[in-house]
N, C-alpha and C. Protein backbone atom coordinates (compact mmCIF):
# COMPACT_ATOMS: atom_id res chain seq x y z
N MET A 1 -67.29 -14.83 -2.17
CA MET A 1 -66.03 -14.15 -2.37
C MET A 1 -65.21 -14.14 -1.08
N ARG A 2 -65.89 -13.87 0.04
CA ARG A 2 -65.22 -13.82 1.33
C ARG A 2 -64.61 -15.17 1.69
N PHE A 3 -65.30 -16.26 1.42
CA PHE A 3 -64.80 -17.60 1.69
C PHE A 3 -63.55 -17.89 0.86
N GLY A 4 -63.52 -17.42 -0.36
CA GLY A 4 -62.38 -17.65 -1.24
C GLY A 4 -61.11 -17.01 -0.70
N LYS A 5 -61.23 -15.81 -0.14
CA LYS A 5 -60.06 -15.13 0.42
C LYS A 5 -59.53 -15.88 1.64
N ARG A 6 -60.47 -16.35 2.47
CA ARG A 6 -60.05 -17.12 3.66
C ARG A 6 -59.34 -18.41 3.25
N ALA A 7 -59.85 -19.05 2.24
CA ALA A 7 -59.24 -20.29 1.76
C ALA A 7 -57.83 -20.01 1.23
N MET A 8 -57.65 -18.91 0.54
CA MET A 8 -56.34 -18.56 -0.01
C MET A 8 -55.35 -18.24 1.12
N VAL A 9 -55.83 -17.52 2.13
CA VAL A 9 -54.97 -17.19 3.27
C VAL A 9 -54.58 -18.47 4.02
N ALA A 10 -55.55 -19.35 4.22
CA ALA A 10 -55.27 -20.62 4.91
C ALA A 10 -54.28 -21.45 4.11
N ALA A 11 -54.43 -21.49 2.81
CA ALA A 11 -53.51 -22.26 1.97
C ALA A 11 -52.10 -21.66 2.04
N ALA A 12 -52.00 -20.33 2.04
CA ALA A 12 -50.70 -19.66 2.11
C ALA A 12 -50.03 -19.95 3.46
N LEU A 13 -50.81 -19.89 4.55
CA LEU A 13 -50.26 -20.19 5.87
C LEU A 13 -49.79 -21.64 5.96
N ALA A 14 -50.56 -22.55 5.40
CA ALA A 14 -50.18 -23.97 5.41
C ALA A 14 -48.89 -24.18 4.65
N ALA A 15 -48.75 -23.53 3.49
CA ALA A 15 -47.53 -23.66 2.69
C ALA A 15 -46.33 -23.10 3.45
N ALA A 16 -46.53 -21.96 4.12
CA ALA A 16 -45.44 -21.35 4.89
C ALA A 16 -45.02 -22.26 6.04
N PHE A 17 -46.00 -22.88 6.71
CA PHE A 17 -45.70 -23.78 7.82
C PHE A 17 -44.91 -24.99 7.34
N ILE A 18 -45.32 -25.56 6.23
CA ILE A 18 -44.62 -26.72 5.68
C ILE A 18 -43.19 -26.34 5.31
N ALA A 19 -43.01 -25.18 4.68
CA ALA A 19 -41.66 -24.75 4.29
C ALA A 19 -40.78 -24.52 5.52
N SER A 20 -41.34 -23.90 6.57
CA SER A 20 -40.52 -23.63 7.75
C SER A 20 -40.23 -24.91 8.52
N ALA A 21 -41.17 -25.86 8.51
CA ALA A 21 -40.94 -27.12 9.22
C ALA A 21 -39.80 -27.89 8.56
N SER A 22 -39.73 -27.90 7.24
CA SER A 22 -38.66 -28.63 6.57
C SER A 22 -37.32 -27.93 6.76
N ALA A 23 -37.32 -26.63 6.98
CA ALA A 23 -36.08 -25.90 7.21
C ALA A 23 -35.52 -26.16 8.60
N GLN A 24 -36.26 -26.81 9.46
CA GLN A 24 -35.82 -27.05 10.82
C GLN A 24 -35.31 -28.47 11.03
N ALA A 25 -34.93 -29.11 9.96
CA ALA A 25 -34.37 -30.46 10.08
C ALA A 25 -33.11 -30.39 10.92
N PRO A 26 -32.78 -31.45 11.64
CA PRO A 26 -31.58 -31.43 12.48
C PRO A 26 -30.32 -31.24 11.66
N LEU A 27 -29.40 -30.51 12.22
CA LEU A 27 -28.11 -30.28 11.60
C LEU A 27 -27.18 -31.44 11.99
N ILE A 28 -26.54 -32.00 11.01
CA ILE A 28 -25.62 -33.11 11.27
C ILE A 28 -24.21 -32.60 10.99
N GLU A 29 -23.38 -32.61 12.03
CA GLU A 29 -22.01 -32.11 11.92
C GLU A 29 -21.02 -33.18 12.40
N LYS A 30 -19.86 -33.14 11.83
CA LYS A 30 -18.78 -34.00 12.31
C LYS A 30 -18.05 -33.24 13.42
N ASN A 31 -17.55 -33.99 14.39
CA ASN A 31 -16.88 -33.37 15.51
C ASN A 31 -15.79 -34.31 16.02
N VAL A 32 -14.95 -33.81 16.88
CA VAL A 32 -13.88 -34.59 17.48
C VAL A 32 -14.47 -35.41 18.63
N SER A 33 -14.27 -36.72 18.57
CA SER A 33 -14.73 -37.58 19.67
C SER A 33 -13.69 -37.55 20.80
N MET A 34 -14.11 -37.97 21.97
CA MET A 34 -13.17 -38.02 23.10
C MET A 34 -12.02 -38.99 22.81
N LYS A 35 -12.35 -40.12 22.24
CA LYS A 35 -11.31 -41.11 21.93
C LYS A 35 -10.29 -40.54 20.93
N MET A 36 -10.80 -39.81 19.93
CA MET A 36 -9.91 -39.18 18.95
C MET A 36 -9.05 -38.12 19.64
N ALA A 37 -9.65 -37.32 20.50
CA ALA A 37 -8.91 -36.27 21.20
C ALA A 37 -7.78 -36.87 22.03
N LEU A 38 -8.07 -37.94 22.74
CA LEU A 38 -7.05 -38.58 23.57
C LEU A 38 -5.91 -39.17 22.73
N ALA A 39 -6.25 -39.74 21.59
CA ALA A 39 -5.21 -40.29 20.70
C ALA A 39 -4.31 -39.18 20.16
N ILE A 40 -4.90 -38.04 19.82
CA ILE A 40 -4.12 -36.91 19.32
C ILE A 40 -3.20 -36.38 20.42
N ILE A 41 -3.72 -36.23 21.62
CA ILE A 41 -2.90 -35.77 22.74
C ILE A 41 -1.74 -36.72 22.97
N GLU A 42 -2.04 -38.01 22.99
CA GLU A 42 -0.98 -39.01 23.22
C GLU A 42 0.10 -38.92 22.15
N GLY A 43 -0.30 -38.79 20.89
CA GLY A 43 0.68 -38.70 19.80
C GLY A 43 1.52 -37.44 19.88
N ALA A 44 0.91 -36.32 20.24
CA ALA A 44 1.64 -35.06 20.35
C ALA A 44 2.64 -35.10 21.52
N ILE A 45 2.18 -35.59 22.67
CA ILE A 45 3.07 -35.69 23.84
C ILE A 45 4.23 -36.63 23.54
N GLU A 46 3.92 -37.75 22.92
CA GLU A 46 4.96 -38.74 22.60
C GLU A 46 6.03 -38.12 21.70
N GLN A 47 5.63 -37.39 20.66
CA GLN A 47 6.58 -36.77 19.74
C GLN A 47 7.44 -35.73 20.46
N CYS A 48 6.79 -34.88 21.24
CA CYS A 48 7.54 -33.83 21.94
C CYS A 48 8.48 -34.43 22.99
N THR A 49 8.05 -35.48 23.67
CA THR A 49 8.92 -36.15 24.65
C THR A 49 10.14 -36.73 23.95
N LYS A 50 9.89 -37.36 22.80
CA LYS A 50 10.99 -37.93 22.00
C LYS A 50 11.97 -36.83 21.57
N ASP A 51 11.43 -35.63 21.27
CA ASP A 51 12.27 -34.51 20.85
C ASP A 51 12.88 -33.75 22.03
N GLY A 52 12.53 -34.16 23.27
CA GLY A 52 13.10 -33.55 24.46
C GLY A 52 12.35 -32.34 24.99
N TYR A 53 11.07 -32.20 24.62
CA TYR A 53 10.28 -31.03 25.05
C TYR A 53 9.17 -31.43 26.01
N LYS A 54 8.94 -30.59 26.99
CA LYS A 54 7.83 -30.77 27.93
C LYS A 54 6.72 -29.82 27.49
N VAL A 55 5.58 -30.39 27.14
CA VAL A 55 4.51 -29.57 26.57
C VAL A 55 3.15 -29.88 27.19
N SER A 56 2.23 -28.97 26.95
CA SER A 56 0.82 -29.18 27.24
C SER A 56 0.09 -29.21 25.91
N VAL A 57 -1.01 -29.97 25.87
CA VAL A 57 -1.78 -30.13 24.63
C VAL A 57 -3.25 -29.90 24.93
N VAL A 58 -3.91 -29.15 24.06
CA VAL A 58 -5.34 -28.89 24.17
C VAL A 58 -6.01 -29.20 22.84
N ILE A 59 -7.13 -29.90 22.92
CA ILE A 59 -7.96 -30.18 21.74
C ILE A 59 -9.24 -29.39 21.89
N VAL A 60 -9.59 -28.63 20.84
CA VAL A 60 -10.89 -27.96 20.81
C VAL A 60 -11.76 -28.64 19.77
N ASP A 61 -13.06 -28.58 20.00
CA ASP A 61 -14.02 -29.23 19.10
C ASP A 61 -14.46 -28.28 17.99
N ASN A 62 -15.48 -28.71 17.27
CA ASN A 62 -16.01 -27.95 16.15
C ASN A 62 -16.44 -26.54 16.54
N ALA A 63 -16.92 -26.38 17.76
CA ALA A 63 -17.37 -25.07 18.24
C ALA A 63 -16.25 -24.24 18.86
N GLY A 64 -15.03 -24.78 18.88
CA GLY A 64 -13.90 -24.06 19.46
C GLY A 64 -13.81 -24.20 20.97
N LEU A 65 -14.58 -25.12 21.53
CA LEU A 65 -14.58 -25.35 22.98
C LEU A 65 -13.62 -26.48 23.33
N VAL A 66 -13.02 -26.41 24.51
CA VAL A 66 -12.07 -27.43 24.92
C VAL A 66 -12.77 -28.78 25.02
N ARG A 67 -12.24 -29.75 24.30
CA ARG A 67 -12.75 -31.13 24.33
C ARG A 67 -11.92 -31.98 25.28
N ALA A 68 -10.60 -31.75 25.27
CA ALA A 68 -9.68 -32.49 26.14
C ALA A 68 -8.39 -31.69 26.26
N SER A 69 -7.72 -31.87 27.39
CA SER A 69 -6.45 -31.17 27.58
C SER A 69 -5.57 -31.95 28.55
N LEU A 70 -4.27 -31.74 28.43
CA LEU A 70 -3.32 -32.40 29.31
C LEU A 70 -2.13 -31.47 29.52
N ARG A 71 -1.85 -31.18 30.76
CA ARG A 71 -0.66 -30.40 31.09
C ARG A 71 0.45 -31.40 31.36
N GLY A 72 1.47 -31.36 30.53
CA GLY A 72 2.57 -32.30 30.65
C GLY A 72 3.38 -32.10 31.90
N ASP A 73 4.04 -33.14 32.35
CA ASP A 73 4.92 -33.07 33.52
C ASP A 73 6.00 -32.03 33.29
N GLY A 74 6.22 -31.20 34.30
CA GLY A 74 7.31 -30.23 34.26
C GLY A 74 7.05 -29.01 33.39
N THR A 75 5.82 -28.80 32.96
CA THR A 75 5.54 -27.64 32.10
C THR A 75 5.22 -26.41 32.94
N ASN A 76 5.42 -25.26 32.36
CA ASN A 76 5.08 -24.00 33.03
C ASN A 76 3.56 -23.81 33.01
N PRO A 77 3.04 -23.10 34.00
CA PRO A 77 1.59 -22.94 34.11
C PRO A 77 0.92 -22.32 32.88
N HIS A 78 1.60 -21.41 32.19
CA HIS A 78 0.98 -20.71 31.06
C HIS A 78 0.76 -21.60 29.84
N THR A 79 1.41 -22.76 29.81
CA THR A 79 1.35 -23.58 28.59
C THR A 79 -0.06 -24.09 28.29
N MET A 80 -0.86 -24.32 29.31
CA MET A 80 -2.24 -24.80 29.07
C MET A 80 -3.06 -23.74 28.34
N GLU A 81 -3.02 -22.53 28.84
CA GLU A 81 -3.82 -21.46 28.23
C GLU A 81 -3.29 -21.10 26.84
N PHE A 82 -2.00 -21.12 26.69
CA PHE A 82 -1.41 -20.79 25.38
C PHE A 82 -1.75 -21.89 24.37
N ALA A 83 -1.71 -23.15 24.79
CA ALA A 83 -2.09 -24.25 23.89
C ALA A 83 -3.55 -24.11 23.48
N ARG A 84 -4.41 -23.72 24.42
CA ARG A 84 -5.83 -23.53 24.10
C ARG A 84 -6.00 -22.43 23.05
N LYS A 85 -5.30 -21.34 23.23
CA LYS A 85 -5.42 -20.23 22.28
C LYS A 85 -4.88 -20.61 20.90
N LYS A 86 -3.83 -21.40 20.86
CA LYS A 86 -3.30 -21.86 19.58
C LYS A 86 -4.32 -22.76 18.88
N ALA A 87 -4.93 -23.67 19.64
CA ALA A 87 -5.96 -24.55 19.07
C ALA A 87 -7.16 -23.74 18.60
N TYR A 88 -7.59 -22.78 19.41
CA TYR A 88 -8.74 -21.94 19.06
C TYR A 88 -8.46 -21.15 17.77
N THR A 89 -7.24 -20.64 17.65
CA THR A 89 -6.85 -19.92 16.44
C THR A 89 -6.94 -20.82 15.22
N ALA A 90 -6.40 -22.03 15.33
CA ALA A 90 -6.43 -22.98 14.21
C ALA A 90 -7.87 -23.36 13.85
N ARG A 91 -8.71 -23.55 14.85
CA ARG A 91 -10.12 -23.89 14.59
C ARG A 91 -10.86 -22.72 13.95
N THR A 92 -10.67 -21.54 14.53
CA THR A 92 -11.36 -20.35 14.03
C THR A 92 -10.95 -20.01 12.60
N ARG A 93 -9.69 -20.11 12.31
CA ARG A 93 -9.16 -19.71 11.00
C ARG A 93 -9.16 -20.85 9.98
N GLY A 94 -9.19 -22.11 10.45
CA GLY A 94 -9.11 -23.23 9.50
C GLY A 94 -7.73 -23.36 8.89
N GLN A 95 -6.75 -22.82 9.58
CA GLN A 95 -5.36 -22.88 9.13
C GLN A 95 -4.48 -23.00 10.36
N THR A 96 -3.22 -23.37 10.18
CA THR A 96 -2.36 -23.47 11.34
C THR A 96 -2.14 -22.07 11.93
N SER A 97 -1.83 -22.05 13.21
CA SER A 97 -1.56 -20.75 13.84
C SER A 97 -0.26 -20.15 13.30
N LEU A 98 0.63 -20.98 12.77
CA LEU A 98 1.85 -20.49 12.12
C LEU A 98 1.50 -19.80 10.80
N GLU A 99 0.57 -20.39 10.03
CA GLU A 99 0.10 -19.74 8.79
C GLU A 99 -0.58 -18.41 9.12
N PHE A 100 -1.35 -18.39 10.22
CA PHE A 100 -2.01 -17.17 10.65
C PHE A 100 -0.97 -16.11 11.01
N MET A 101 0.11 -16.53 11.67
CA MET A 101 1.18 -15.61 12.04
C MET A 101 1.76 -14.96 10.78
N LYS A 102 2.04 -15.79 9.77
CA LYS A 102 2.63 -15.27 8.53
C LYS A 102 1.64 -14.36 7.80
N LEU A 103 0.37 -14.73 7.79
CA LEU A 103 -0.66 -13.91 7.15
C LEU A 103 -0.75 -12.54 7.81
N THR A 104 -0.72 -12.51 9.13
CA THR A 104 -0.91 -11.25 9.85
C THR A 104 0.37 -10.45 10.04
N ASP A 105 1.49 -10.96 9.53
CA ASP A 105 2.71 -10.15 9.49
C ASP A 105 2.54 -9.01 8.49
N ASN A 106 1.64 -9.23 7.52
CA ASN A 106 1.31 -8.20 6.53
C ASN A 106 0.45 -7.14 7.23
N PRO A 107 0.87 -5.88 7.21
CA PRO A 107 0.08 -4.84 7.89
C PRO A 107 -1.38 -4.78 7.46
N ALA A 108 -1.68 -5.15 6.23
CA ALA A 108 -3.07 -5.12 5.75
C ALA A 108 -3.94 -6.16 6.45
N SER A 109 -3.34 -7.20 7.00
CA SER A 109 -4.08 -8.26 7.69
C SER A 109 -3.87 -8.26 9.19
N ALA A 110 -3.04 -7.38 9.69
CA ALA A 110 -2.70 -7.38 11.12
C ALA A 110 -3.91 -7.17 12.02
N TYR A 111 -4.96 -6.53 11.53
CA TYR A 111 -6.16 -6.30 12.34
C TYR A 111 -6.78 -7.61 12.82
N LEU A 112 -6.53 -8.71 12.12
CA LEU A 112 -7.09 -10.01 12.51
C LEU A 112 -6.56 -10.46 13.87
N ARG A 113 -5.44 -9.94 14.29
CA ARG A 113 -4.87 -10.30 15.59
C ARG A 113 -5.68 -9.73 16.76
N GLN A 114 -6.63 -8.87 16.46
CA GLN A 114 -7.45 -8.27 17.51
C GLN A 114 -8.62 -9.16 17.92
N ILE A 115 -8.84 -10.25 17.21
CA ILE A 115 -9.93 -11.17 17.56
C ILE A 115 -9.58 -11.80 18.92
N PRO A 116 -10.50 -11.77 19.87
CA PRO A 116 -10.21 -12.33 21.20
C PRO A 116 -9.79 -13.80 21.14
N ASP A 117 -8.80 -14.15 21.94
CA ASP A 117 -8.29 -15.52 22.09
C ASP A 117 -7.52 -16.05 20.88
N VAL A 118 -7.23 -15.21 19.92
CA VAL A 118 -6.46 -15.62 18.74
C VAL A 118 -5.01 -15.20 18.95
N VAL A 119 -4.08 -16.11 18.63
CA VAL A 119 -2.66 -15.82 18.78
C VAL A 119 -1.92 -16.09 17.47
N ALA A 120 -0.89 -15.31 17.24
CA ALA A 120 -0.11 -15.44 16.02
C ALA A 120 1.25 -16.04 16.35
N VAL A 121 1.22 -17.34 16.63
CA VAL A 121 2.45 -18.09 16.92
C VAL A 121 2.17 -19.55 16.59
N GLY A 122 3.16 -20.28 16.15
CA GLY A 122 2.97 -21.66 15.75
C GLY A 122 2.61 -22.59 16.89
N GLY A 123 2.00 -23.72 16.54
CA GLY A 123 1.65 -24.75 17.52
C GLY A 123 0.19 -25.16 17.48
N GLY A 124 -0.63 -24.45 16.71
CA GLY A 124 -2.03 -24.81 16.55
C GLY A 124 -2.28 -25.36 15.16
N VAL A 125 -2.95 -26.51 15.08
CA VAL A 125 -3.19 -27.16 13.79
C VAL A 125 -4.65 -27.59 13.73
N PRO A 126 -5.34 -27.24 12.62
CA PRO A 126 -6.73 -27.67 12.50
C PRO A 126 -6.83 -29.18 12.28
N ILE A 127 -7.91 -29.75 12.78
CA ILE A 127 -8.22 -31.16 12.53
C ILE A 127 -9.30 -31.14 11.46
N LYS A 128 -9.01 -31.72 10.30
CA LYS A 128 -9.91 -31.61 9.16
C LYS A 128 -10.32 -32.96 8.60
N ILE A 129 -11.53 -32.98 8.09
CA ILE A 129 -12.00 -34.07 7.24
C ILE A 129 -12.24 -33.42 5.89
N GLY A 130 -11.38 -33.71 4.94
CA GLY A 130 -11.44 -33.01 3.66
C GLY A 130 -11.15 -31.54 3.90
N ASP A 131 -12.06 -30.67 3.42
CA ASP A 131 -11.89 -29.23 3.63
C ASP A 131 -12.61 -28.73 4.87
N SER A 132 -13.31 -29.61 5.58
CA SER A 132 -14.10 -29.21 6.75
C SER A 132 -13.27 -29.33 8.03
N THR A 133 -13.18 -28.23 8.76
CA THR A 133 -12.47 -28.22 10.03
C THR A 133 -13.42 -28.69 11.12
N ILE A 134 -13.04 -29.76 11.82
CA ILE A 134 -13.91 -30.33 12.86
C ILE A 134 -13.38 -30.07 14.27
N GLY A 135 -12.23 -29.43 14.37
CA GLY A 135 -11.61 -29.14 15.65
C GLY A 135 -10.18 -28.70 15.41
N ALA A 136 -9.40 -28.67 16.47
CA ALA A 136 -7.99 -28.30 16.33
C ALA A 136 -7.22 -28.76 17.55
N VAL A 137 -5.91 -28.84 17.37
CA VAL A 137 -5.01 -29.19 18.47
C VAL A 137 -4.03 -28.04 18.66
N GLY A 138 -3.75 -27.73 19.91
CA GLY A 138 -2.75 -26.73 20.24
C GLY A 138 -1.70 -27.33 21.16
N VAL A 139 -0.45 -27.05 20.88
CA VAL A 139 0.67 -27.55 21.68
C VAL A 139 1.50 -26.35 22.12
N SER A 140 1.92 -26.35 23.39
CA SER A 140 2.74 -25.26 23.89
C SER A 140 3.77 -25.80 24.88
N GLY A 141 4.99 -25.28 24.76
CA GLY A 141 6.04 -25.66 25.69
C GLY A 141 7.38 -25.93 25.04
N ALA A 142 7.38 -26.30 23.76
CA ALA A 142 8.64 -26.51 23.06
C ALA A 142 9.28 -25.14 22.81
N PRO A 143 10.58 -25.11 22.58
CA PRO A 143 11.24 -23.81 22.35
C PRO A 143 10.99 -23.30 20.94
N GLY A 144 9.79 -22.84 20.69
CA GLY A 144 9.43 -22.30 19.37
C GLY A 144 8.17 -22.94 18.83
N GLY A 145 7.32 -22.11 18.24
CA GLY A 145 6.05 -22.58 17.71
C GLY A 145 6.18 -23.61 16.60
N GLU A 146 7.26 -23.53 15.83
CA GLU A 146 7.47 -24.51 14.76
C GLU A 146 7.63 -25.92 15.34
N LYS A 147 8.33 -26.00 16.48
CA LYS A 147 8.53 -27.30 17.14
C LYS A 147 7.22 -27.80 17.75
N ASP A 148 6.43 -26.89 18.32
CA ASP A 148 5.11 -27.27 18.83
C ASP A 148 4.25 -27.83 17.70
N GLU A 149 4.33 -27.19 16.54
CA GLU A 149 3.52 -27.63 15.40
C GLU A 149 3.90 -29.03 14.92
N VAL A 150 5.17 -29.37 14.98
CA VAL A 150 5.61 -30.72 14.61
C VAL A 150 4.90 -31.75 15.51
N CYS A 151 4.83 -31.44 16.79
CA CYS A 151 4.17 -32.35 17.74
C CYS A 151 2.67 -32.42 17.50
N ALA A 152 2.05 -31.29 17.19
CA ALA A 152 0.61 -31.27 16.89
C ALA A 152 0.31 -32.12 15.67
N ASN A 153 1.14 -32.00 14.65
CA ASN A 153 0.95 -32.81 13.43
C ASN A 153 1.15 -34.30 13.71
N ALA A 154 2.09 -34.62 14.59
CA ALA A 154 2.31 -36.02 14.97
C ALA A 154 1.06 -36.58 15.65
N GLY A 155 0.41 -35.76 16.47
CA GLY A 155 -0.82 -36.19 17.12
C GLY A 155 -1.93 -36.46 16.11
N ILE A 156 -2.09 -35.55 15.17
CA ILE A 156 -3.12 -35.72 14.14
C ILE A 156 -2.82 -36.94 13.27
N ALA A 157 -1.54 -37.21 13.03
CA ALA A 157 -1.15 -38.38 12.24
C ALA A 157 -1.66 -39.67 12.87
N ARG A 158 -1.78 -39.69 14.20
CA ARG A 158 -2.29 -40.87 14.91
C ARG A 158 -3.71 -41.25 14.48
N VAL A 159 -4.48 -40.26 14.06
CA VAL A 159 -5.90 -40.52 13.72
C VAL A 159 -6.18 -40.26 12.24
N ALA A 160 -5.13 -40.18 11.44
CA ALA A 160 -5.28 -39.82 10.02
C ALA A 160 -6.27 -40.73 9.30
N ASP A 161 -6.27 -42.02 9.60
CA ASP A 161 -7.20 -42.95 8.93
C ASP A 161 -8.66 -42.63 9.24
N LEU A 162 -8.93 -42.02 10.38
CA LEU A 162 -10.30 -41.68 10.77
C LEU A 162 -10.76 -40.37 10.14
N LEU A 163 -9.84 -39.63 9.55
CA LEU A 163 -10.15 -38.32 8.99
C LEU A 163 -10.32 -38.35 7.47
N LYS A 164 -10.52 -39.53 6.94
CA LYS A 164 -10.70 -39.66 5.48
C LYS A 164 -12.14 -39.67 5.11
């Protein structure tokens, strides 16, 4: 009888080990590559330059960390940090920072503005493959968040074929 209990316990432990080992398979995630980040920055800067704006652009990756950034010629010092926060907002929320601004204009949602590093102003756009957000771009320096967002979208358009 004693041997039977030990065998049952051993079998249960073996089953638990097998189940936990299979649960530890590597996680495979899509992310923004450096080459993609540089193409997005180039497209955003090009659009804003064409529109007459001096901007800075920041790309954040899937984890919301800076992947690449560029402070444009003649930009104010704050534009880098503001672009980062716009990108972080878009990555965190999975929506543009302009959409976040409109959402949080409602007093019932205004508490979301208390999240650290989140800003409610246009210029941040998520980088998506289907419904999955893999990063974001933030642009700062144009006279208004809507204009920054146009440049961010132009940057993403540069890599649209890679996001399918």
